[in-house]
Amino acid sequence: MIVCSCNFIREQQIRDAARDGIVAVEDIYEHLGCQPNCCQCFPFAEQIIREETRLAA
């Protein structure tokens, strides 16, 4: 599923980054070589990060 249509960031990319310990949306963008644009994806991206953080605990 596409989370960020501005940068074409997929849900799996966010999950993988969160599993690697990146827990801030802005840092994930940087990790992927992108910059936030409209930021409408932030709430969903943050939800994904929280899910991955809970699973890792």
N, C-alpha and C. Protein backbone atom coordinates (compact mmCIF):
# COMPACT_ATOMS: atom_id res chain seq x y z
N MET A 1 0.84 -1.16 0.00
CA MET A 1 0.00 0.00 0.00
C MET A 1 0.89 1.24 0.00
N ILE A 2 0.49 2.24 -0.75
CA ILE A 2 1.21 3.51 -0.78
C ILE A 2 0.76 4.35 0.41
N VAL A 3 1.71 4.80 1.20
CA VAL A 3 1.42 5.66 2.34
C VAL A 3 1.58 7.11 1.94
N CYS A 4 2.64 7.41 1.23
CA CYS A 4 2.93 8.79 0.79
C CYS A 4 2.89 8.84 -0.73
N SER A 5 1.84 9.45 -1.26
CA SER A 5 1.74 9.53 -2.71
C SER A 5 2.66 10.60 -3.29
N CYS A 6 3.05 11.57 -2.48
CA CYS A 6 3.98 12.62 -2.96
C CYS A 6 5.35 12.03 -3.29
N ASN A 7 5.80 11.09 -2.45
CA ASN A 7 7.13 10.49 -2.61
C ASN A 7 7.07 9.01 -2.95
N PHE A 8 5.86 8.50 -3.15
CA PHE A 8 5.65 7.09 -3.49
C PHE A 8 6.34 6.17 -2.47
N ILE A 9 6.08 6.45 -1.19
CA ILE A 9 6.63 5.62 -0.11
C ILE A 9 5.59 4.57 0.25
N ARG A 10 6.04 3.32 0.25
CA ARG A 10 5.14 2.20 0.55
C ARG A 10 5.16 1.88 2.04
N GLU A 11 4.08 1.27 2.47
CA GLU A 11 3.93 0.85 3.86
C GLU A 11 5.10 -0.03 4.30
N GLN A 12 5.50 -0.94 3.45
CA GLN A 12 6.59 -1.86 3.80
C GLN A 12 7.89 -1.13 4.05
N GLN A 13 8.14 -0.06 3.30
CA GLN A 13 9.36 0.72 3.51
C GLN A 13 9.36 1.35 4.91
N ILE A 14 8.21 1.84 5.33
CA ILE A 14 8.10 2.43 6.66
C ILE A 14 8.26 1.35 7.72
N ARG A 15 7.64 0.21 7.52
CA ARG A 15 7.78 -0.90 8.48
C ARG A 15 9.24 -1.34 8.59
N ASP A 16 9.91 -1.48 7.46
CA ASP A 16 11.31 -1.90 7.48
C ASP A 16 12.18 -0.89 8.22
N ALA A 17 11.95 0.39 7.96
CA ALA A 17 12.74 1.43 8.63
C ALA A 17 12.47 1.41 10.14
N ALA A 18 11.22 1.23 10.53
CA ALA A 18 10.88 1.18 11.95
C ALA A 18 11.54 -0.03 12.61
N ARG A 19 11.59 -1.14 11.90
CA ARG A 19 12.26 -2.33 12.43
C ARG A 19 13.76 -2.11 12.58
N ASP A 20 14.30 -1.21 11.77
CA ASP A 20 15.72 -0.87 11.86
C ASP A 20 15.99 0.17 12.94
N GLY A 21 14.93 0.59 13.64
CA GLY A 21 15.10 1.51 14.75
C GLY A 21 14.82 2.97 14.44
N ILE A 22 14.39 3.28 13.25
CA ILE A 22 14.06 4.66 12.90
C ILE A 22 12.60 4.89 13.31
N VAL A 23 12.39 5.78 14.26
CA VAL A 23 11.04 5.92 14.82
C VAL A 23 10.41 7.30 14.59
N ALA A 24 11.07 8.17 13.88
CA ALA A 24 10.49 9.48 13.55
C ALA A 24 10.20 9.51 12.04
N VAL A 25 9.02 9.98 11.69
CA VAL A 25 8.64 10.01 10.28
C VAL A 25 9.64 10.80 9.46
N GLU A 26 10.07 11.94 9.98
CA GLU A 26 11.02 12.77 9.24
C GLU A 26 12.32 12.02 8.99
N ASP A 27 12.74 11.22 9.96
CA ASP A 27 13.98 10.45 9.81
C ASP A 27 13.82 9.34 8.77
N ILE A 28 12.63 8.79 8.68
CA ILE A 28 12.37 7.76 7.66
C ILE A 28 12.46 8.39 6.28
N TYR A 29 11.89 9.57 6.12
CA TYR A 29 12.00 10.27 4.84
C TYR A 29 13.47 10.47 4.46
N GLU A 30 14.24 10.95 5.42
CA GLU A 30 15.67 11.18 5.17
C GLU A 30 16.36 9.87 4.80
N HIS A 31 16.05 8.80 5.54
CA HIS A 31 16.62 7.48 5.29
C HIS A 31 16.31 7.02 3.85
N LEU A 32 15.13 7.37 3.36
CA LEU A 32 14.71 6.96 2.03
C LEU A 32 15.12 7.96 0.95
N GLY A 33 15.81 9.03 1.35
CA GLY A 33 16.28 10.01 0.39
C GLY A 33 15.18 10.94 -0.11
N CYS A 34 14.16 11.15 0.71
CA CYS A 34 13.03 11.99 0.33
C CYS A 34 12.87 13.13 1.33
N GLN A 35 11.98 14.06 0.97
CA GLN A 35 11.60 15.12 1.88
C GLN A 35 10.08 15.15 1.97
N PRO A 36 9.55 15.40 3.18
CA PRO A 36 8.09 15.51 3.31
C PRO A 36 7.58 16.64 2.41
N ASN A 37 6.41 16.43 1.89
CA ASN A 37 5.82 17.43 1.00
C ASN A 37 4.56 18.00 1.64
N CYS A 38 3.44 17.33 1.50
CA CYS A 38 2.19 17.84 2.05
C CYS A 38 1.95 17.38 3.49
N CYS A 39 2.63 16.33 3.92
CA CYS A 39 2.59 15.77 5.28
C CYS A 39 1.25 15.13 5.66
N GLN A 40 0.37 14.92 4.73
CA GLN A 40 -0.90 14.27 5.04
C GLN A 40 -0.72 12.81 5.40
N CYS A 41 0.40 12.24 5.06
CA CYS A 41 0.66 10.83 5.35
C CYS A 41 1.21 10.62 6.76
N PHE A 42 1.62 11.68 7.44
CA PHE A 42 2.26 11.55 8.75
C PHE A 42 1.44 10.75 9.76
N PRO A 43 0.14 11.01 9.93
CA PRO A 43 -0.61 10.23 10.92
C PRO A 43 -0.59 8.73 10.64
N PHE A 44 -0.76 8.35 9.38
CA PHE A 44 -0.75 6.92 9.04
C PHE A 44 0.65 6.34 9.22
N ALA A 45 1.67 7.08 8.81
CA ALA A 45 3.05 6.62 8.98
C ALA A 45 3.37 6.44 10.47
N GLU A 46 2.93 7.37 11.29
CA GLU A 46 3.16 7.27 12.73
C GLU A 46 2.45 6.06 13.32
N GLN A 47 1.26 5.76 12.82
CA GLN A 47 0.53 4.58 13.27
C GLN A 47 1.31 3.31 12.93
N ILE A 48 1.85 3.24 11.75
CA ILE A 48 2.65 2.09 11.32
C ILE A 48 3.87 1.94 12.22
N ILE A 49 4.54 3.05 12.50
CA ILE A 49 5.72 3.02 13.36
C ILE A 49 5.34 2.51 14.75
N ARG A 50 4.22 2.98 15.31
CA ARG A 50 3.77 2.51 16.62
C ARG A 50 3.50 1.01 16.61
N GLU A 51 2.86 0.53 15.55
CA GLU A 51 2.58 -0.90 15.44
C GLU A 51 3.88 -1.70 15.45
N GLU A 52 4.85 -1.27 14.68
CA GLU A 52 6.12 -1.99 14.59
C GLU A 52 6.87 -1.92 15.92
N THR A 53 6.78 -0.80 16.60
CA THR A 53 7.44 -0.64 17.90
C THR A 53 6.82 -1.57 18.91
N ARG A 54 5.50 -1.69 18.90
CA ARG A 54 4.81 -2.62 19.83
C ARG A 54 5.19 -4.06 19.53
N LEU A 55 5.27 -4.41 18.25
CA LEU A 55 5.61 -5.78 17.89
C LEU A 55 7.03 -6.14 18.31
N ALA A 56 7.92 -5.15 18.30
CA ALA A 56 9.31 -5.40 18.65
C ALA A 56 9.52 -5.53 20.16
N ALA A 57 8.58 -5.01 20.93
CA ALA A 57 8.73 -5.03 22.40
C ALA A 57 8.47 -6.40 22.99
